[in-house]
Amino acid sequence: MPKIKANNIEINYEQQGSGEPLILIPFLSADCGCYAFQVAEYAKHFTCLSLDLRGTGESDKPEGTYSTELFADDVAAFMQAAGIPRAHIFGLSLGSATGMWLAAKYPDKVKSLSLHSTWPKTDPFIKTVVEGWQVTAKALGSVPEMTIKSIFPWCFTPELYAARPDYIESLAGFVRSRPAQPVASFLQHSDAVIAHDAEAQLGKIGAPTQITFGRHDMVTSTRFAKHMTGAIRGSELLIFEEASHAPIFESVDEFNRKTLAFLLRHTG
């Protein structure tokens, strides 16, 4: 897989498809493979560039404090180094937090913005949940196992666990098959989630924006919907009625169809 030197680090990425560039920013504990169920469809219409953020996958993992703003600076530098003047920006959860900073700080680089399972500023509830993940990661000494045991139940509905246990197990196998994030890097990433505050940036976002939530998500629940759509001019809201925090895995066909429709409306 190719790597690009940007913002003083080596950033690893995967590229598939052809058409306008679509940059996919991963979520907490994940690497560039996390949107596998989307890229297969999106790559029919877009040049999909899936990144490993600093501290994940095959990208560099420097010490120091990470932030969602720093991740956005990394993505902007990646685009500059790769010769991509403008792109569609897409992210779920941590990826969306990074995307909103990117669209606010580098508006000329963002053609459209897709914010899935998103939130503008970490509140005490999210902080408590993520601190629990940190405890588990340290106790298990394994980010993949922590993801499966502690993050998965926040990502999927009880109904999915009951109806499709084999599917849950296959997703666990997928997580275990990817390059394992070091615990220290996960703590840097999760601290960035806890510190996330893009509240003052939302009004600076001018790109066409799609904001989505899973109806049953408790972490980044629909409690954020009204505020975010009110703060980001002209944004559109979409709720996935049968999903929790990860409609990309729980409502794959519906998610792909409706998000692709938004992206295609803003091409050309």
C-alpha atoms as a PDB file:
ATOM      1  CA  MET A   1       0.000   0.000   0.000  1.00  0.00           C
ATOM      2  CA  PRO A   2       1.246   3.500  -0.772  1.00  0.00           C
ATOM      3  CA  LYS A   3       2.476   5.978   1.817  1.00  0.00           C
ATOM      4  CA  ILE A   4       2.838   9.743   1.667  1.00  0.00           C
ATOM      5  CA  LYS A   5       4.985  12.017   3.822  1.00  0.00           C
ATOM      6  CA  ALA A   6       2.748  14.774   5.183  1.00  0.00           C
ATOM      7  CA  ASN A   7       2.814  16.937   8.318  1.00  0.00           C
ATOM      8  CA  ASN A   8       6.112  15.293   9.309  1.00  0.00           C
ATOM      9  CA  ILE A   9       4.711  11.757   9.382  1.00  0.00           C
ATOM     10  CA  GLU A  10       4.273   8.876   6.941  1.00  0.00           C
ATOM     11  CA  ILE A  11       0.568   8.390   6.205  1.00  0.00           C
ATOM     12  CA  ASN A  12      -0.542   5.037   4.826  1.00  0.00           C
ATOM     13  CA  TYR A  13      -3.579   4.795   2.556  1.00  0.00           C
ATOM     14  CA  GLU A  14      -5.487   2.549   0.162  1.00  0.00           C
ATOM     15  CA  GLN A  15      -6.850   3.781  -3.170  1.00  0.00           C
ATOM     16  CA  GLN A  16      -9.666   2.203  -5.176  1.00  0.00           C
ATOM     17  CA  GLY A  17     -11.966   3.235  -7.977  1.00  0.00           C
ATOM     18  CA  SER A  18     -12.053   6.225 -10.279  1.00  0.00           C
ATOM     19  CA  GLY A  19     -13.798   9.573 -10.409  1.00  0.00           C
ATOM     20  CA  GLU A  20     -13.741  12.531  -8.036  1.00  0.00           C
ATOM     21  CA  PRO A  21     -11.648  11.931  -4.895  1.00  0.00           C
ATOM     22  CA  LEU A  22     -13.491  10.720  -1.790  1.00  0.00           C
ATOM     23  CA  ILE A  23     -11.411  10.632   1.394  1.00  0.00           C
ATOM     24  CA  LEU A  24     -12.590   8.198   4.060  1.00  0.00           C
ATOM     25  CA  ILE A  25     -11.404   8.915   7.608  1.00  0.00           C
ATOM     26  CA  PRO A  26     -11.526   5.990  10.052  1.00  0.00           C
ATOM     27  CA  PHE A  27     -13.187   5.804  13.443  1.00  0.00           C
ATOM     28  CA  LEU A  28     -11.737   5.054  16.877  1.00  0.00           C
ATOM     29  CA  SER A  29      -9.560   1.909  17.097  1.00  0.00           C
ATOM     30  CA  ALA A  30      -9.879   1.305  13.331  1.00  0.00           C
ATOM     31  CA  ASP A  31      -7.606   1.590  10.310  1.00  0.00           C
ATOM     32  CA  CYS A  32      -8.123   2.235   6.603  1.00  0.00           C
ATOM     33  CA  GLY A  33      -9.949  -1.071   6.135  1.00  0.00           C
ATOM     34  CA  CYS A  34     -12.913  -0.068   8.276  1.00  0.00           C
ATOM     35  CA  TYR A  35     -15.143   1.097   5.402  1.00  0.00           C
ATOM     36  CA  ALA A  36     -14.742  -2.106   3.391  1.00  0.00           C
ATOM     37  CA  PHE A  37     -18.528  -2.495   3.022  1.00  0.00           C
ATOM     38  CA  GLN A  38     -18.800   1.037   1.617  1.00  0.00           C
ATOM     39  CA  VAL A  39     -15.742   1.301  -0.621  1.00  0.00           C
ATOM     40  CA  ALA A  40     -16.890  -1.612  -2.779  1.00  0.00           C
ATOM     41  CA  GLU A  41     -19.929   0.469  -3.747  1.00  0.00           C
ATOM     42  CA  TYR A  42     -18.459   3.980  -3.632  1.00  0.00           C
ATOM     43  CA  ALA A  43     -15.481   3.030  -5.827  1.00  0.00           C
ATOM     44  CA  LYS A  44     -17.858   2.543  -8.753  1.00  0.00           C
ATOM     45  CA  HIS A  45     -18.291   6.325  -8.773  1.00  0.00           C
ATOM     46  CA  PHE A  46     -15.329   7.840  -6.865  1.00  0.00           C
ATOM     47  CA  THR A  47     -11.600   7.519  -6.358  1.00  0.00           C
ATOM     48  CA  CYS A  48     -11.748   6.282  -2.756  1.00  0.00           C
ATOM     49  CA  LEU A  49      -8.762   7.107  -0.578  1.00  0.00           C
ATOM     50  CA  SER A  50      -8.987   5.350   2.801  1.00  0.00           C
ATOM     51  CA  LEU A  51      -6.429   6.650   5.298  1.00  0.00           C
ATOM     52  CA  ASP A  52      -4.647   5.330   8.351  1.00  0.00           C
ATOM     53  CA  LEU A  53      -4.638   8.258  10.783  1.00  0.00           C
ATOM     54  CA  ARG A  54      -1.469   8.824  12.773  1.00  0.00           C
ATOM     55  CA  GLY A  55      -1.332   6.171  15.470  1.00  0.00           C
ATOM     56  CA  THR A  56      -3.230   3.554  13.425  1.00  0.00           C
ATOM     57  CA  GLY A  57      -2.561   0.862  10.849  1.00  0.00           C
ATOM     58  CA  GLU A  58       0.671   1.346   8.915  1.00  0.00           C
ATOM     59  CA  SER A  59       0.954   5.107   9.483  1.00  0.00           C
ATOM     60  CA  ASP A  60       3.539   6.547  11.868  1.00  0.00           C
ATOM     61  CA  LYS A  61       2.720   6.534  15.573  1.00  0.00           C
ATOM     62  CA  PRO A  62       4.570   9.480  17.116  1.00  0.00           C
ATOM     63  CA  GLU A  63       4.339  10.254  20.803  1.00  0.00           C
ATOM     64  CA  GLY A  64       2.584  13.368  22.090  1.00  0.00           C
ATOM     65  CA  THR A  65      -0.929  14.689  22.381  1.00  0.00           C
ATOM     66  CA  TYR A  66      -3.340  13.920  19.565  1.00  0.00           C
ATOM     67  CA  SER A  67      -6.464  15.932  18.771  1.00  0.00           C
ATOM     68  CA  THR A  68      -9.250  15.891  16.207  1.00  0.00           C
ATOM     69  CA  GLU A  69      -7.862  19.189  14.920  1.00  0.00           C
ATOM     70  CA  LEU A  70      -4.408  17.612  14.482  1.00  0.00           C
ATOM     71  CA  PHE A  71      -5.953  14.712  12.556  1.00  0.00           C
ATOM     72  CA  ALA A  72      -7.632  17.276  10.276  1.00  0.00           C
ATOM     73  CA  ASP A  73      -4.286  19.013   9.740  1.00  0.00           C
ATOM     74  CA  ASP A  74      -2.810  15.633   8.792  1.00  0.00           C
ATOM     75  CA  VAL A  75      -5.563  14.993   6.237  1.00  0.00           C
ATOM     76  CA  ALA A  76      -5.126  18.471   4.736  1.00  0.00           C
ATOM     77  CA  ALA A  77      -1.365  17.889   4.465  1.00  0.00           C
ATOM     78  CA  PHE A  78      -2.009  14.465   2.926  1.00  0.00           C
ATOM     79  CA  MET A  79      -4.214  16.075   0.267  1.00  0.00           C
ATOM     80  CA  GLN A  80      -1.553  18.685  -0.469  1.00  0.00           C
ATOM     81  CA  ALA A  81       1.181  16.048  -0.794  1.00  0.00           C
ATOM     82  CA  ALA A  82      -1.007  13.786  -2.951  1.00  0.00           C
ATOM     83  CA  GLY A  83      -1.929  16.640  -5.294  1.00  0.00           C
ATOM     84  CA  ILE A  84      -5.628  16.582  -4.381  1.00  0.00           C
ATOM     85  CA  PRO A  85      -6.933  20.165  -4.354  1.00  0.00           C
ATOM     86  CA  ARG A  86     -10.507  19.261  -3.329  1.00  0.00           C
ATOM     87  CA  ALA A  87     -12.254  16.111  -2.183  1.00  0.00           C
ATOM     88  CA  HIS A  88     -15.443  14.748  -0.725  1.00  0.00           C
ATOM     89  CA  ILE A  89     -14.744  14.161   2.984  1.00  0.00           C
ATOM     90  CA  PHE A  90     -16.395  11.244   4.777  1.00  0.00           C
ATOM     91  CA  GLY A  91     -16.144   9.948   8.323  1.00  0.00           C
ATOM     92  CA  LEU A  92     -18.007   8.112  11.059  1.00  0.00           C
ATOM     93  CA  SER A  93     -17.596   8.965  14.747  1.00  0.00           C
ATOM     94  CA  LEU A  94     -13.934  10.002  15.207  1.00  0.00           C
ATOM     95  CA  GLY A  95     -13.721  10.278  11.418  1.00  0.00           C
ATOM     96  CA  SER A  96     -16.619  12.733  11.432  1.00  0.00           C
ATOM     97  CA  ALA A  97     -15.053  14.781  14.241  1.00  0.00           C
ATOM     98  CA  THR A  98     -11.919  15.059  12.114  1.00  0.00           C
ATOM     99  CA  GLY A  99     -13.984  15.920   9.040  1.00  0.00           C
ATOM    100  CA  MET A 100     -15.768  18.847  10.678  1.00  0.00           C
ATOM    101  CA  TRP A 101     -12.433  20.391  11.695  1.00  0.00           C
ATOM    102  CA  LEU A 102     -11.123  19.884   8.152  1.00  0.00           C
ATOM    103  CA  ALA A 103     -14.165  21.554   6.581  1.00  0.00           C
ATOM    104  CA  ALA A 104     -13.955  24.487   9.012  1.00  0.00           C
ATOM    105  CA  LYS A 105     -10.190  25.117   8.754  1.00  0.00           C
ATOM    106  CA  TYR A 106      -9.662  24.228   5.085  1.00  0.00           C
ATOM    107  CA  PRO A 107     -12.967  25.060   3.372  1.00  0.00           C
ATOM    108  CA  ASP A 108     -11.426  25.221  -0.104  1.00  0.00           C
ATOM    109  CA  LYS A 109     -10.378  21.570   0.179  1.00  0.00           C
ATOM    110  CA  VAL A 110     -13.835  20.181   0.938  1.00  0.00           C
ATOM    111  CA  LYS A 111     -16.366  19.608  -1.849  1.00  0.00           C
ATOM    112  CA  SER A 112     -18.899  17.806   0.345  1.00  0.00           C
ATOM    113  CA  LEU A 113     -18.909  16.652   3.955  1.00  0.00           C
ATOM    114  CA  SER A 114     -20.412  13.414   5.284  1.00  0.00           C
ATOM    115  CA  LEU A 115     -20.698  13.310   9.087  1.00  0.00           C
ATOM    116  CA  HIS A 116     -21.962   9.958  10.373  1.00  0.00           C
ATOM    117  CA  SER A 117     -22.617   9.093  14.052  1.00  0.00           C
ATOM    118  CA  THR A 118     -21.250  12.490  14.885  1.00  0.00           C
ATOM    119  CA  TRP A 119     -21.065  14.966  17.748  1.00  0.00           C
ATOM    120  CA  PRO A 120     -19.847  18.581  18.067  1.00  0.00           C
ATOM    121  CA  LYS A 121     -18.353  18.478  21.570  1.00  0.00           C
ATOM    122  CA  THR A 122     -17.738  15.662  24.023  1.00  0.00           C
ATOM    123  CA  ASP A 123     -20.192  15.701  26.913  1.00  0.00           C
ATOM    124  CA  PRO A 124     -19.887  13.922  30.295  1.00  0.00           C
ATOM    125  CA  PHE A 125     -21.716  10.844  28.990  1.00  0.00           C
ATOM    126  CA  ILE A 126     -19.350  10.271  26.046  1.00  0.00           C
ATOM    127  CA  LYS A 127     -16.357  10.979  28.294  1.00  0.00           C
ATOM    128  CA  THR A 128     -17.484   8.315  30.767  1.00  0.00           C
ATOM    129  CA  VAL A 129     -18.064   5.712  28.047  1.00  0.00           C
ATOM    130  CA  VAL A 130     -14.660   6.319  26.419  1.00  0.00           C
ATOM    131  CA  GLU A 131     -12.849   6.269  29.766  1.00  0.00           C
ATOM    132  CA  GLY A 132     -14.372   2.816  30.287  1.00  0.00           C
ATOM    133  CA  TRP A 133     -12.892   1.687  26.975  1.00  0.00           C
ATOM    134  CA  GLN A 134      -9.507   2.990  28.101  1.00  0.00           C
ATOM    135  CA  VAL A 135      -9.687   0.937  31.300  1.00  0.00           C
ATOM    136  CA  THR A 136     -10.563  -2.198  29.320  1.00  0.00           C
ATOM    137  CA  ALA A 137      -7.811  -1.639  26.735  1.00  0.00           C
ATOM    138  CA  LYS A 138      -5.205  -1.365  29.487  1.00  0.00           C
ATOM    139  CA  ALA A 139      -6.600  -4.364  31.384  1.00  0.00           C
ATOM    140  CA  LEU A 140      -6.691  -6.631  28.319  1.00  0.00           C
ATOM    141  CA  GLY A 141      -3.510  -5.238  26.767  1.00  0.00           C
ATOM    142  CA  SER A 142      -5.236  -5.562  23.387  1.00  0.00           C
ATOM    143  CA  VAL A 143      -7.104  -2.942  21.376  1.00  0.00           C
ATOM    144  CA  PRO A 144      -8.783  -5.492  19.054  1.00  0.00           C
ATOM    145  CA  GLU A 145     -10.136  -7.511  22.007  1.00  0.00           C
ATOM    146  CA  MET A 146     -11.241  -4.329  23.788  1.00  0.00           C
ATOM    147  CA  THR A 147     -13.039  -3.254  20.596  1.00  0.00           C
ATOM    148  CA  ILE A 148     -14.920  -6.550  20.356  1.00  0.00           C
ATOM    149  CA  LYS A 149     -15.812  -6.793  24.054  1.00  0.00           C
ATOM    150  CA  SER A 150     -16.387  -3.133  24.938  1.00  0.00           C
ATOM    151  CA  ILE A 151     -16.965  -1.008  21.811  1.00  0.00           C
ATOM    152  CA  PHE A 152     -19.088  -3.477  19.807  1.00  0.00           C
ATOM    153  CA  PRO A 153     -22.036  -3.421  22.272  1.00  0.00           C
ATOM    154  CA  TRP A 154     -22.251   0.358  21.864  1.00  0.00           C
ATOM    155  CA  CYS A 155     -22.132  -0.003  18.049  1.00  0.00           C
ATOM    156  CA  PHE A 156     -24.805  -2.636  17.435  1.00  0.00           C
ATOM    157  CA  THR A 157     -28.368  -3.184  18.630  1.00  0.00           C
ATOM    158  CA  PRO A 158     -29.267  -6.122  20.908  1.00  0.00           C
ATOM    159  CA  GLU A 159     -31.475  -7.298  18.048  1.00  0.00           C
ATOM    160  CA  LEU A 160     -28.479  -7.699  15.742  1.00  0.00           C
ATOM    161  CA  TYR A 161     -26.624  -9.766  18.367  1.00  0.00           C
ATOM    162  CA  ALA A 162     -29.701 -11.983  18.764  1.00  0.00           C
ATOM    163  CA  ALA A 163     -30.575 -12.387  15.093  1.00  0.00           C
ATOM    164  CA  ARG A 164     -27.117 -12.605  13.519  1.00  0.00           C
ATOM    165  CA  PRO A 165     -24.514 -13.931  15.992  1.00  0.00           C
ATOM    166  CA  ASP A 166     -22.450 -15.352  13.119  1.00  0.00           C
ATOM    167  CA  TYR A 167     -22.284 -11.892  11.531  1.00  0.00           C
ATOM    168  CA  ILE A 168     -21.081 -10.351  14.811  1.00  0.00           C
ATOM    169  CA  GLU A 169     -18.443 -13.084  14.989  1.00  0.00           C
ATOM    170  CA  SER A 170     -17.353 -12.376  11.404  1.00  0.00           C
ATOM    171  CA  LEU A 171     -16.955  -8.682  12.263  1.00  0.00           C
ATOM    172  CA  ALA A 172     -14.867  -9.704  15.278  1.00  0.00           C
ATOM    173  CA  GLY A 173     -12.726 -11.801  12.970  1.00  0.00           C
ATOM    174  CA  PHE A 174     -12.307  -8.824  10.666  1.00  0.00           C
ATOM    175  CA  VAL A 175     -11.140  -6.640  13.580  1.00  0.00           C
ATOM    176  CA  ARG A 176      -8.639  -9.305  14.637  1.00  0.00           C
ATOM    177  CA  SER A 177      -7.329  -9.592  11.062  1.00  0.00           C
ATOM    178  CA  ARG A 178      -6.319  -5.932  10.806  1.00  0.00           C
ATOM    179  CA  PRO A 179      -3.025  -4.435  12.084  1.00  0.00           C
ATOM    180  CA  ALA A 180      -3.521  -4.169  15.849  1.00  0.00           C
ATOM    181  CA  GLN A 181      -3.369  -0.629  17.227  1.00  0.00           C
ATOM    182  CA  PRO A 182      -0.942  -0.375  20.159  1.00  0.00           C
ATOM    183  CA  VAL A 183      -2.644   0.363  23.484  1.00  0.00           C
ATOM    184  CA  ALA A 184      -0.581   3.539  23.859  1.00  0.00           C
ATOM    185  CA  SER A 185      -1.828   4.805  20.483  1.00  0.00           C
ATOM    186  CA  PHE A 186      -5.411   3.961  21.391  1.00  0.00           C
ATOM    187  CA  LEU A 187      -5.056   6.023  24.561  1.00  0.00           C
ATOM    188  CA  GLN A 188      -3.803   8.965  22.459  1.00  0.00           C
ATOM    189  CA  HIS A 189      -6.758   8.571  20.085  1.00  0.00           C
ATOM    190  CA  SER A 190      -9.355   8.147  22.808  1.00  0.00           C
ATOM    191  CA  ASP A 191      -7.957  11.170  24.663  1.00  0.00           C
ATOM    192  CA  ALA A 192      -8.535  13.104  21.418  1.00  0.00           C
ATOM    193  CA  VAL A 193     -12.160  11.917  21.443  1.00  0.00           C
ATOM    194  CA  ILE A 194     -12.578  13.002  25.066  1.00  0.00           C
ATOM    195  CA  ALA A 195     -11.094  16.434  24.300  1.00  0.00           C
ATOM    196  CA  HIS A 196     -13.061  16.938  21.068  1.00  0.00           C
ATOM    197  CA  ASP A 197     -14.689  20.361  20.872  1.00  0.00           C
ATOM    198  CA  ALA A 198     -15.550  21.745  17.440  1.00  0.00           C
ATOM    199  CA  GLU A 199     -18.491  23.753  18.721  1.00  0.00           C
ATOM    200  CA  ALA A 200     -17.061  27.071  17.527  1.00  0.00           C
ATOM    201  CA  GLN A 201     -16.155  25.560  14.129  1.00  0.00           C
ATOM    202  CA  LEU A 202     -19.602  24.454  12.967  1.00  0.00           C
ATOM    203  CA  GLY A 203     -20.633  27.885  11.697  1.00  0.00           C
ATOM    204  CA  LYS A 204     -17.501  27.992   9.505  1.00  0.00           C
ATOM    205  CA  ILE A 205     -18.553  24.907   7.538  1.00  0.00           C
ATOM    206  CA  GLY A 206     -19.839  25.914   4.106  1.00  0.00           C
ATOM    207  CA  ALA A 207     -19.639  22.642   2.186  1.00  0.00           C
ATOM    208  CA  PRO A 208     -22.821  20.684   1.466  1.00  0.00           C
ATOM    209  CA  THR A 209     -23.145  18.452   4.542  1.00  0.00           C
ATOM    210  CA  GLN A 210     -25.001  15.239   5.292  1.00  0.00           C
ATOM    211  CA  ILE A 211     -25.432  14.424   9.001  1.00  0.00           C
ATOM    212  CA  THR A 212     -26.605  10.934   9.985  1.00  0.00           C
ATOM    213  CA  PHE A 213     -27.387   9.064  13.183  1.00  0.00           C
ATOM    214  CA  GLY A 214     -28.544   5.612  14.136  1.00  0.00           C
ATOM    215  CA  ARG A 215     -31.882   5.796  15.937  1.00  0.00           C
ATOM    216  CA  HIS A 216     -30.656   3.444  18.682  1.00  0.00           C
ATOM    217  CA  ASP A 217     -27.210   5.010  19.137  1.00  0.00           C
ATOM    218  CA  MET A 218     -26.603   6.067  22.729  1.00  0.00           C
ATOM    219  CA  VAL A 219     -23.043   7.384  22.366  1.00  0.00           C
ATOM    220  CA  THR A 220     -23.536   9.944  19.608  1.00  0.00           C
ATOM    221  CA  SER A 221     -27.299   9.886  19.832  1.00  0.00           C
ATOM    222  CA  THR A 222     -29.864  12.055  18.091  1.00  0.00           C
ATOM    223  CA  ARG A 223     -29.529  14.430  21.071  1.00  0.00           C
ATOM    224  CA  PHE A 224     -26.955  16.220  18.878  1.00  0.00           C
ATOM    225  CA  ALA A 225     -29.070  16.344  15.718  1.00  0.00           C
ATOM    226  CA  LYS A 226     -31.004  19.583  16.131  1.00  0.00           C
ATOM    227  CA  HIS A 227     -28.008  21.580  17.280  1.00  0.00           C
ATOM    228  CA  MET A 228     -25.740  20.349  14.494  1.00  0.00           C
ATOM    229  CA  THR A 229     -28.221  20.861  11.672  1.00  0.00           C
ATOM    230  CA  GLY A 230     -28.954  24.322  13.047  1.00  0.00           C
ATOM    231  CA  ALA A 231     -25.277  25.262  13.260  1.00  0.00           C
ATOM    232  CA  ILE A 232     -24.137  23.925   9.852  1.00  0.00           C
ATOM    233  CA  ARG A 233     -25.852  25.956   7.155  1.00  0.00           C
ATOM    234  CA  GLY A 234     -27.887  23.985   4.660  1.00  0.00           C
ATOM    235  CA  SER A 235     -27.016  20.620   6.179  1.00  0.00           C
ATOM    236  CA  GLU A 236     -29.373  17.689   5.776  1.00  0.00           C
ATOM    237  CA  LEU A 237     -30.261  15.108   8.420  1.00  0.00           C
ATOM    238  CA  LEU A 238     -30.810  11.390   7.991  1.00  0.00           C
ATOM    239  CA  ILE A 239     -31.756   8.837  10.674  1.00  0.00           C
ATOM    240  CA  PHE A 240     -31.172   5.092  10.250  1.00  0.00           C
ATOM    241  CA  GLU A 241     -34.134   3.676  12.150  1.00  0.00           C
ATOM    242  CA  GLU A 242     -32.843   0.142  12.712  1.00  0.00           C
ATOM    243  CA  ALA A 243     -29.236   0.938  13.626  1.00  0.00           C
ATOM    244  CA  SER A 244     -27.109   1.993  16.563  1.00  0.00           C
ATOM    245  CA  HIS A 245     -23.657   3.654  16.313  1.00  0.00           C
ATOM    246  CA  ALA A 246     -22.475   1.656  13.278  1.00  0.00           C
ATOM    247  CA  PRO A 247     -25.086   1.676  10.497  1.00  0.00           C
ATOM    248  CA  ILE A 248     -22.168   1.040   8.129  1.00  0.00           C
ATOM    249  CA  PHE A 249     -22.290  -2.568   9.408  1.00  0.00           C
ATOM    250  CA  GLU A 250     -25.865  -2.878  10.679  1.00  0.00           C
ATOM    251  CA  SER A 251     -27.826  -1.271   7.811  1.00  0.00           C
ATOM    252  CA  VAL A 252     -25.299  -1.692   5.019  1.00  0.00           C
ATOM    253  CA  ASP A 253     -27.541  -1.544   1.960  1.00  0.00           C
ATOM    254  CA  GLU A 254     -29.644   1.375   3.222  1.00  0.00           C
ATOM    255  CA  PHE A 255     -26.575   3.250   4.433  1.00  0.00           C
ATOM    256  CA  ASN A 256     -24.716   2.841   1.150  1.00  0.00           C
ATOM    257  CA  ARG A 257     -27.713   3.751  -0.987  1.00  0.00           C
ATOM    258  CA  LYS A 258     -28.644   6.914   0.906  1.00  0.00           C
ATOM    259  CA  THR A 259     -25.117   8.198   1.493  1.00  0.00           C
ATOM    260  CA  LEU A 260     -24.113   7.532  -2.112  1.00  0.00           C
ATOM    261  CA  ALA A 261     -27.170   9.454  -3.297  1.00  0.00           C
ATOM    262  CA  PHE A 262     -25.968  12.477  -1.303  1.00  0.00           C
ATOM    263  CA  LEU A 263     -22.428  12.190  -2.664  1.00  0.00           C
ATOM    264  CA  LEU A 264     -23.584  11.865  -6.267  1.00  0.00           C
ATOM    265  CA  ARG A 265     -25.769  14.978  -5.941  1.00  0.00           C
ATOM    266  CA  HIS A 266     -22.627  16.968  -5.202  1.00  0.00           C
ATOM    267  CA  THR A 267     -20.333  15.702  -7.950  1.00  0.00           C
ATOM    268  CA  GLY A 268     -19.425  17.588 -11.058  1.00  0.00           C
END
